[in-house]
C-alpha atoms as a PDB file:
ATOM      1  CA  MET A   1      53.241  53.050 -20.671  1.00  0.00           C
ATOM      2  CA  THR A   2      56.871  53.359 -19.631  1.00  0.00           C
ATOM      3  CA  ARG A   3      59.170  56.176 -20.648  1.00  0.00           C
ATOM      4  CA  HIS A   4      62.254  53.949 -20.670  1.00  0.00           C
ATOM      5  CA  LEU A   5      62.604  52.137 -23.980  1.00  0.00           C
ATOM      6  CA  ASP A   6      64.705  48.980 -23.881  1.00  0.00           C
ATOM      7  CA  TRP A   7      65.760  48.876 -27.503  1.00  0.00           C
ATOM      8  CA  GLN A   8      68.368  46.164 -27.846  1.00  0.00           C
ATOM      9  CA  GLY A   9      71.831  47.706 -28.048  1.00  0.00           C
ATOM     10  CA  SER A  10      70.910  51.059 -26.498  1.00  0.00           C
ATOM     11  CA  TYR A  11      71.273  52.294 -22.926  1.00  0.00           C
ATOM     12  CA  ASN A  12      69.646  55.687 -22.569  1.00  0.00           C
ATOM     13  CA  ILE A  13      66.493  55.873 -24.677  1.00  0.00           C
ATOM     14  CA  ARG A  14      63.269  57.319 -23.337  1.00  0.00           C
ATOM     15  CA  ASP A  15      60.005  58.699 -24.619  1.00  0.00           C
ATOM     16  CA  LEU A  16      59.218  62.288 -23.692  1.00  0.00           C
ATOM     17  CA  GLY A  17      55.540  61.469 -23.220  1.00  0.00           C
ATOM     18  CA  GLY A  18      53.540  61.612 -20.012  1.00  0.00           C
ATOM     19  CA  LEU A  19      55.175  64.675 -18.457  1.00  0.00           C
ATOM     20  CA  PRO A  20      52.925  67.318 -16.884  1.00  0.00           C
ATOM     21  CA  SER A  21      52.676  70.824 -18.263  1.00  0.00           C
ATOM     22  CA  ARG A  22      51.478  73.917 -16.461  1.00  0.00           C
ATOM     23  CA  ASP A  23      48.147  73.973 -18.318  1.00  0.00           C
ATOM     24  CA  GLY A  24      47.430  70.384 -17.241  1.00  0.00           C
ATOM     25  CA  GLN A  25      48.028  68.919 -20.676  1.00  0.00           C
ATOM     26  CA  PRO A  26      50.575  66.051 -20.575  1.00  0.00           C
ATOM     27  CA  THR A  27      53.273  65.652 -23.172  1.00  0.00           C
ATOM     28  CA  ALA A  28      52.406  63.235 -25.957  1.00  0.00           C
ATOM     29  CA  TRP A  29      53.638  59.658 -26.185  1.00  0.00           C
ATOM     30  CA  GLY A  30      55.499  58.436 -29.240  1.00  0.00           C
ATOM     31  CA  LYS A  31      56.170  61.850 -30.758  1.00  0.00           C
ATOM     32  CA  LEU A  32      59.618  62.721 -29.383  1.00  0.00           C
ATOM     33  CA  VAL A  33      62.252  60.352 -28.039  1.00  0.00           C
ATOM     34  CA  ARG A  34      65.659  61.247 -26.589  1.00  0.00           C
ATOM     35  CA  GLY A  35      68.561  58.873 -26.633  1.00  0.00           C
ATOM     36  CA  ASP A  36      72.145  57.805 -26.921  1.00  0.00           C
ATOM     37  CA  ALA A  37      73.656  57.137 -30.345  1.00  0.00           C
ATOM     38  CA  PRO A  38      71.771  54.332 -32.109  1.00  0.00           C
ATOM     39  CA  ASN A  39      74.864  52.859 -33.761  1.00  0.00           C
ATOM     40  CA  ARG A  40      74.850  50.003 -31.213  1.00  0.00           C
ATOM     41  CA  LEU A  41      71.262  48.986 -32.007  1.00  0.00           C
ATOM     42  CA  THR A  42      70.827  45.409 -33.174  1.00  0.00           C
ATOM     43  CA  ASN A  43      68.325  44.400 -35.836  1.00  0.00           C
ATOM     44  CA  ASN A  44      65.835  43.829 -33.013  1.00  0.00           C
ATOM     45  CA  GLY A  45      66.647  47.270 -31.658  1.00  0.00           C
ATOM     46  CA  TRP A  46      65.962  48.923 -34.995  1.00  0.00           C
ATOM     47  CA  ASP A  47      62.711  46.964 -35.280  1.00  0.00           C
ATOM     48  CA  ALA A  48      61.670  48.277 -31.853  1.00  0.00           C
ATOM     49  CA  LEU A  49      62.524  51.839 -32.897  1.00  0.00           C
ATOM     50  CA  TRP A  50      60.467  51.476 -36.075  1.00  0.00           C
ATOM     51  CA  ASN A  51      57.553  49.893 -34.241  1.00  0.00           C
ATOM     52  CA  HIS A  52      57.579  52.779 -31.767  1.00  0.00           C
ATOM     53  CA  GLY A  53      56.780  55.038 -34.706  1.00  0.00           C
ATOM     54  CA  ILE A  54      60.144  56.766 -35.184  1.00  0.00           C
ATOM     55  CA  ARG A  55      60.541  58.002 -38.750  1.00  0.00           C
ATOM     56  CA  THR A  56      63.066  60.860 -38.320  1.00  0.00           C
ATOM     57  CA  ILE A  57      66.384  60.769 -36.470  1.00  0.00           C
ATOM     58  CA  ILE A  58      68.232  63.976 -35.583  1.00  0.00           C
ATOM     59  CA  ASP A  59      71.937  63.363 -34.918  1.00  0.00           C
ATOM     60  CA  LEU A  60      73.602  66.121 -32.866  1.00  0.00           C
ATOM     61  CA  ARG A  61      77.103  64.625 -33.033  1.00  0.00           C
ATOM     62  CA  HIS A  62      80.156  65.894 -34.863  1.00  0.00           C
ATOM     63  CA  GLU A  63      82.042  63.589 -37.198  1.00  0.00           C
ATOM     64  CA  PRO A  64      84.620  62.429 -34.594  1.00  0.00           C
ATOM     65  CA  ASP A  65      81.764  60.983 -32.506  1.00  0.00           C
ATOM     66  CA  HIS A  66      80.455  58.746 -35.294  1.00  0.00           C
ATOM     67  CA  ARG A  67      81.018  55.016 -34.932  1.00  0.00           C
ATOM     68  CA  PRO A  68      80.323  52.000 -37.192  1.00  0.00           C
ATOM     69  CA  GLU A  69      76.789  50.706 -36.918  1.00  0.00           C
ATOM     70  CA  ALA A  70      76.076  47.217 -35.592  1.00  0.00           C
ATOM     71  CA  ALA A  71      73.076  46.727 -37.894  1.00  0.00           C
ATOM     72  CA  GLU A  72      71.501  48.410 -40.884  1.00  0.00           C
ATOM     73  CA  ARG A  73      68.952  51.154 -40.374  1.00  0.00           C
ATOM     74  CA  PRO A  74      65.434  50.589 -41.713  1.00  0.00           C
ATOM     75  CA  PRO A  75      65.240  52.105 -45.207  1.00  0.00           C
ATOM     76  CA  GLY A  76      62.197  54.229 -44.371  1.00  0.00           C
ATOM     77  CA  LEU A  77      64.041  56.305 -41.781  1.00  0.00           C
ATOM     78  CA  THR A  78      65.238  59.850 -42.456  1.00  0.00           C
ATOM     79  CA  THR A  79      68.455  60.804 -40.645  1.00  0.00           C
ATOM     80  CA  VAL A  80      69.331  64.500 -40.363  1.00  0.00           C
ATOM     81  CA  ARG A  81      72.804  65.376 -39.089  1.00  0.00           C
ATOM     82  CA  LEU A  82      72.858  68.697 -37.249  1.00  0.00           C
ATOM     83  CA  PRO A  83      76.084  68.963 -35.214  1.00  0.00           C
ATOM     84  CA  LEU A  84      75.193  71.073 -32.221  1.00  0.00           C
ATOM     85  CA  ASP A  85      78.625  72.228 -31.121  1.00  0.00           C
ATOM     86  CA  ASN A  86      80.776  74.704 -32.997  1.00  0.00           C
ATOM     87  CA  PRO A  87      84.390  73.696 -32.260  1.00  0.00           C
ATOM     88  CA  ALA A  88      85.656  76.554 -34.441  1.00  0.00           C
ATOM     89  CA  ASP A  89      84.558  79.017 -31.745  1.00  0.00           C
ATOM     90  CA  THR A  90      87.727  78.575 -29.742  1.00  0.00           C
ATOM     91  CA  ASP A  91      86.988  81.519 -27.428  1.00  0.00           C
ATOM     92  CA  PHE A  92      83.819  79.838 -26.184  1.00  0.00           C
ATOM     93  CA  TRP A  93      85.367  76.407 -25.704  1.00  0.00           C
ATOM     94  CA  ARG A  94      88.455  77.810 -24.043  1.00  0.00           C
ATOM     95  CA  ARG A  95      86.115  78.921 -21.267  1.00  0.00           C
ATOM     96  CA  TRP A  96      83.553  76.124 -21.266  1.00  0.00           C
ATOM     97  CA  ALA A  97      85.504  72.961 -22.093  1.00  0.00           C
ATOM     98  CA  GLY A  98      87.424  70.915 -19.547  1.00  0.00           C
ATOM     99  CA  GLY A  99      84.459  68.894 -18.376  1.00  0.00           C
ATOM    100  CA  ILE A 100      82.004  71.770 -17.954  1.00  0.00           C
ATOM    101  CA  ASN A 101      80.592  71.053 -21.424  1.00  0.00           C
ATOM    102  CA  CYS A 102      79.643  67.566 -20.216  1.00  0.00           C
ATOM    103  CA  THR A 103      77.323  69.038 -17.589  1.00  0.00           C
ATOM    104  CA  PRO A 104      74.378  71.472 -17.506  1.00  0.00           C
ATOM    105  CA  LEU A 105      76.753  74.164 -16.240  1.00  0.00           C
ATOM    106  CA  TYR A 106      77.301  75.391 -19.802  1.00  0.00           C
ATOM    107  CA  TYR A 107      73.680  75.263 -21.011  1.00  0.00           C
ATOM    108  CA  ARG A 108      72.733  78.901 -20.554  1.00  0.00           C
ATOM    109  CA  ALA A 109      76.010  80.157 -22.000  1.00  0.00           C
ATOM    110  CA  PHE A 110      75.601  77.845 -25.002  1.00  0.00           C
ATOM    111  CA  LEU A 111      72.028  79.003 -25.619  1.00  0.00           C
ATOM    112  CA  ASP A 112      73.177  82.614 -25.555  1.00  0.00           C
ATOM    113  CA  ARG A 113      76.165  82.013 -27.837  1.00  0.00           C
ATOM    114  CA  PHE A 114      74.682  79.664 -30.446  1.00  0.00           C
ATOM    115  CA  PRO A 115      70.961  80.377 -30.905  1.00  0.00           C
ATOM    116  CA  GLU A 116      71.165  79.575 -34.615  1.00  0.00           C
ATOM    117  CA  HIS A 117      72.504  76.056 -33.907  1.00  0.00           C
ATOM    118  CA  VAL A 118      69.707  75.381 -31.456  1.00  0.00           C
ATOM    119  CA  ALA A 119      67.052  76.911 -33.708  1.00  0.00           C
ATOM    120  CA  ARG A 120      67.897  74.725 -36.685  1.00  0.00           C
ATOM    121  CA  VAL A 121      67.366  71.605 -34.560  1.00  0.00           C
ATOM    122  CA  ILE A 122      63.993  72.829 -33.293  1.00  0.00           C
ATOM    123  CA  ALA A 123      63.010  73.912 -36.828  1.00  0.00           C
ATOM    124  CA  THR A 124      63.857  70.435 -38.144  1.00  0.00           C
ATOM    125  CA  ILE A 125      61.535  68.916 -35.540  1.00  0.00           C
ATOM    126  CA  ALA A 126      58.826  71.403 -36.514  1.00  0.00           C
ATOM    127  CA  ASP A 127      59.170  70.576 -40.218  1.00  0.00           C
ATOM    128  CA  ALA A 128      59.604  66.798 -39.843  1.00  0.00           C
ATOM    129  CA  PRO A 129      57.054  64.587 -41.611  1.00  0.00           C
ATOM    130  CA  ALA A 130      54.495  62.536 -39.726  1.00  0.00           C
ATOM    131  CA  GLY A 131      55.923  60.030 -37.270  1.00  0.00           C
ATOM    132  CA  GLY A 132      58.078  60.146 -34.176  1.00  0.00           C
ATOM    133  CA  VAL A 133      61.406  61.947 -33.928  1.00  0.00           C
ATOM    134  CA  LEU A 134      64.489  60.589 -32.128  1.00  0.00           C
ATOM    135  CA  ILE A 135      66.998  63.211 -30.957  1.00  0.00           C
ATOM    136  CA  HIS A 136      70.399  61.895 -29.949  1.00  0.00           C
ATOM    137  CA  CYS A 137      74.047  62.704 -29.420  1.00  0.00           C
ATOM    138  CA  ALA A 138      76.635  60.188 -28.171  1.00  0.00           C
ATOM    139  CA  GLY A 139      75.436  59.394 -24.657  1.00  0.00           C
ATOM    140  CA  GLY A 140      72.095  61.166 -24.874  1.00  0.00           C
ATOM    141  CA  ARG A 141      72.755  63.293 -21.811  1.00  0.00           C
ATOM    142  CA  ASP A 142      74.115  66.800 -22.422  1.00  0.00           C
ATOM    143  CA  ARG A 143      73.791  67.880 -26.041  1.00  0.00           C
ATOM    144  CA  THR A 144      70.521  65.996 -26.227  1.00  0.00           C
ATOM    145  CA  GLY A 145      69.638  67.263 -22.759  1.00  0.00           C
ATOM    146  CA  LEU A 146      70.075  70.871 -23.821  1.00  0.00           C
ATOM    147  CA  ILE A 147      67.698  70.464 -26.775  1.00  0.00           C
ATOM    148  CA  VAL A 148      65.194  68.513 -24.668  1.00  0.00           C
ATOM    149  CA  LEU A 149      65.328  71.199 -21.975  1.00  0.00           C
ATOM    150  CA  LEU A 150      64.309  73.800 -24.536  1.00  0.00           C
ATOM    151  CA  LEU A 151      61.566  71.617 -26.018  1.00  0.00           C
ATOM    152  CA  LEU A 152      60.048  70.845 -22.635  1.00  0.00           C
ATOM    153  CA  ALA A 153      60.307  74.491 -21.560  1.00  0.00           C
ATOM    154  CA  LEU A 154      58.395  75.404 -24.726  1.00  0.00           C
ATOM    155  CA  ALA A 155      55.702  72.925 -23.668  1.00  0.00           C
ATOM    156  CA  GLU A 156      55.652  74.580 -20.222  1.00  0.00           C
ATOM    157  CA  VAL A 157      56.808  71.498 -18.382  1.00  0.00           C
ATOM    158  CA  PRO A 158      57.912  72.653 -14.888  1.00  0.00           C
ATOM    159  CA  SER A 159      61.640  73.120 -14.377  1.00  0.00           C
ATOM    160  CA  ASP A 160      61.868  70.512 -11.618  1.00  0.00           C
ATOM    161  CA  VAL A 161      60.308  67.905 -13.935  1.00  0.00           C
ATOM    162  CA  ILE A 162      62.801  68.793 -16.673  1.00  0.00           C
ATOM    163  CA  ALA A 163      65.624  68.430 -14.143  1.00  0.00           C
ATOM    164  CA  ALA A 164      64.305  65.030 -13.027  1.00  0.00           C
ATOM    165  CA  ASP A 165      64.307  63.894 -16.660  1.00  0.00           C
ATOM    166  CA  TYR A 166      67.926  65.008 -17.013  1.00  0.00           C
ATOM    167  CA  ASP A 167      68.913  63.015 -13.914  1.00  0.00           C
ATOM    168  CA  LEU A 168      67.554  59.802 -15.435  1.00  0.00           C
ATOM    169  CA  SER A 169      70.363  59.763 -17.996  1.00  0.00           C
ATOM    170  CA  GLY A 170      72.995  59.179 -15.329  1.00  0.00           C
ATOM    171  CA  GLU A 171      71.126  56.128 -14.082  1.00  0.00           C
ATOM    172  CA  ARG A 172      70.603  54.747 -17.556  1.00  0.00           C
ATOM    173  CA  LEU A 173      74.217  55.231 -18.643  1.00  0.00           C
ATOM    174  CA  GLU A 174      75.803  53.438 -15.692  1.00  0.00           C
ATOM    175  CA  PRO A 175      75.754  50.027 -17.486  1.00  0.00           C
ATOM    176  CA  ALA A 176      77.403  51.617 -20.517  1.00  0.00           C
ATOM    177  CA  TRP A 177      80.169  53.089 -18.391  1.00  0.00           C
ATOM    178  CA  ARG A 178      80.736  49.748 -16.690  1.00  0.00           C
ATOM    179  CA  ARG A 179      80.923  48.063 -20.090  1.00  0.00           C
ATOM    180  CA  LEU A 180      83.526  50.595 -21.202  1.00  0.00           C
ATOM    181  CA  GLY A 181      85.449  50.175 -17.944  1.00  0.00           C
ATOM    182  CA  ILE A 182      85.444  53.879 -17.088  1.00  0.00           C
ATOM    183  CA  GLY A 183      84.004  53.748 -13.578  1.00  0.00           C
ATOM    184  CA  ASP A 184      81.369  55.759 -11.771  1.00  0.00           C
ATOM    185  CA  GLN A 185      80.799  58.742 -14.029  1.00  0.00           C
ATOM    186  CA  THR A 186      77.694  59.851 -12.117  1.00  0.00           C
ATOM    187  CA  GLY A 187      79.665  60.363  -8.916  1.00  0.00           C
ATOM    188  CA  GLN A 188      82.557  62.038 -10.695  1.00  0.00           C
ATOM    189  CA  ILE A 189      80.240  64.447 -12.518  1.00  0.00           C
ATOM    190  CA  ALA A 190      78.349  65.264  -9.309  1.00  0.00           C
ATOM    191  CA  ALA A 191      81.631  66.012  -7.540  1.00  0.00           C
ATOM    192  CA  PHE A 192      82.797  68.194 -10.423  1.00  0.00           C
ATOM    193  CA  ILE A 193      79.573  70.222 -10.400  1.00  0.00           C
ATOM    194  CA  ALA A 194      79.699  70.515  -6.599  1.00  0.00           C
ATOM    195  CA  ARG A 195      83.076  72.222  -6.928  1.00  0.00           C
ATOM    196  CA  HIS A 196      81.214  74.903  -8.873  1.00  0.00           C
ATOM    197  CA  GLY A 197      78.798  75.358  -5.989  1.00  0.00           C
ATOM    198  CA  THR A 198      75.701  73.672  -7.346  1.00  0.00           C
ATOM    199  CA  THR A 199      74.170  70.388  -8.552  1.00  0.00           C
ATOM    200  CA  ALA A 200      73.167  69.144 -11.983  1.00  0.00           C
ATOM    201  CA  ARG A 201      69.526  69.336 -10.935  1.00  0.00           C
ATOM    202  CA  GLN A 202      69.845  72.942  -9.783  1.00  0.00           C
ATOM    203  CA  ALA A 203      71.807  73.933 -12.883  1.00  0.00           C
ATOM    204  CA  VAL A 204      68.987  72.616 -15.084  1.00  0.00           C
ATOM    205  CA  ILE A 205      66.340  74.354 -12.986  1.00  0.00           C
ATOM    206  CA  ASP A 206      68.264  77.629 -13.068  1.00  0.00           C
ATOM    207  CA  THR A 207      68.597  77.430 -16.855  1.00  0.00           C
ATOM    208  CA  VAL A 208      64.897  76.747 -17.392  1.00  0.00           C
ATOM    209  CA  ASP A 209      63.826  79.448 -14.939  1.00  0.00           C
ATOM    210  CA  SER A 210      66.055  82.003 -16.671  1.00  0.00           C
ATOM    211  CA  LEU A 211      64.635  81.201 -20.098  1.00  0.00           C
ATOM    212  CA  ASP A 212      61.601  82.408 -22.038  1.00  0.00           C
ATOM    213  CA  ALA A 213      61.625  79.563 -24.559  1.00  0.00           C
ATOM    214  CA  LEU A 214      59.063  81.096 -26.878  1.00  0.00           C
ATOM    215  CA  SER A 215      60.813  84.468 -27.145  1.00  0.00           C
ATOM    216  CA  TYR A 216      64.219  82.805 -27.433  1.00  0.00           C
ATOM    217  CA  LEU A 217      63.155  80.674 -30.387  1.00  0.00           C
ATOM    218  CA  ARG A 218      61.291  83.516 -32.072  1.00  0.00           C
ATOM    219  CA  ASP A 219      64.377  85.703 -31.793  1.00  0.00           C
ATOM    220  CA  ALA A 220      66.434  82.819 -33.216  1.00  0.00           C
ATOM    221  CA  GLY A 221      64.277  82.807 -36.347  1.00  0.00           C
ATOM    222  CA  LEU A 222      61.487  80.260 -35.846  1.00  0.00           C
ATOM    223  CA  THR A 223      58.085  81.263 -37.178  1.00  0.00           C
ATOM    224  CA  ASP A 224      54.867  81.041 -35.196  1.00  0.00           C
ATOM    225  CA  ALA A 225      53.821  78.213 -37.516  1.00  0.00           C
ATOM    226  CA  GLN A 226      56.955  76.250 -36.615  1.00  0.00           C
ATOM    227  CA  LEU A 227      56.527  76.952 -32.910  1.00  0.00           C
ATOM    228  CA  GLY A 228      52.925  75.772 -33.111  1.00  0.00           C
ATOM    229  CA  SER A 229      54.033  72.634 -34.927  1.00  0.00           C
ATOM    230  CA  VAL A 230      56.589  71.802 -32.244  1.00  0.00           C
ATOM    231  CA  ARG A 231      54.081  72.347 -29.450  1.00  0.00           C
ATOM    232  CA  ALA A 232      51.532  70.219 -31.270  1.00  0.00           C
ATOM    233  CA  ARG A 233      54.069  67.397 -31.408  1.00  0.00           C
ATOM    234  CA  LEU A 234      54.936  67.832 -27.758  1.00  0.00           C
ATOM    235  CA  LEU A 235      51.438  67.995 -26.341  1.00  0.00           C
ATOM    236  CA  SER A 236      48.673  65.429 -26.401  1.00  0.00           C
ATOM    237  CA  ALA A 237      46.175  67.645 -28.199  1.00  0.00           C
ATOM    238  CA  PRO A 238      46.708  70.195 -30.995  1.00  0.00           C
ATOM    239  CA  VAL A 239      47.636  73.701 -29.846  1.00  0.00           C
ATOM    240  CA  ALA A 240      45.842  76.657 -31.396  1.00  0.00           C
ATOM    241  CA  SER A 241      48.120  79.418 -32.669  1.00  0.00           C
ATOM    242  CA  SER A 242      46.494  81.842 -30.208  1.00  0.00           C
ATOM    243  CA  ALA A 243      47.913  79.763 -27.338  1.00  0.00           C
ATOM    244  CA  LEU A 244      51.454  80.667 -28.348  1.00  0.00           C
ATOM    245  CA  SER A 245      51.157  84.031 -26.654  1.00  0.00           C
ATOM    246  CA  ALA A 246      50.855  82.284 -23.310  1.00  0.00           C
ATOM    247  CA  CYS A 247      53.847  79.973 -23.490  1.00  0.00           C
ATOM    248  CA  GLY A 248      57.450  80.564 -22.567  1.00  0.00           C
END
């Protein structure tokens, strides 16, 4: 199987299956998919999404990011809109806007400031009905990347593997940037992060290594039942509730 999903009209869609975890159990195929906004999907693209098993879509965008859709969504899909950012918190964005919020440089600060926003996304995944879940923002890189980082950390995927997954978004989005005529975003972002003394890869690794995902989500209000449900979705075999004490 391939993690990259070439759904017609999308650029940056990939399955989170097949990644190693520290207990040797790989992440499950077809359960969680990360991506860019699906509004560009054609009818064939929506058919591919449906055939992949997606039944719930979690949209992390705010209203200004929404765009008209190229084709109608299948009627059996459930779309849940959970804007991740909180633009009303002007103190936070005064410090972390200006390009930093389009990189992993702000991940740890965001997790510390807005645990309730993150928790409601993870809880929605935990409580979703049977079928795959697509998590997306606009480009599928940073807001989606932050949520995926936390999910994979909960599944005990090593930090360097999580960072490698993040890096794939830059490669996948290059055709979209060319289409929009906005140039080499990957190079510009790398240069921006370098001015802060690090790399995107290292920023992701540092965030994961500083984080106890299990304790963070418990403190944010998720129950052990919800945490077990998320891990069961993430991993190839069901996870007993007793295993929760070992993750983080």
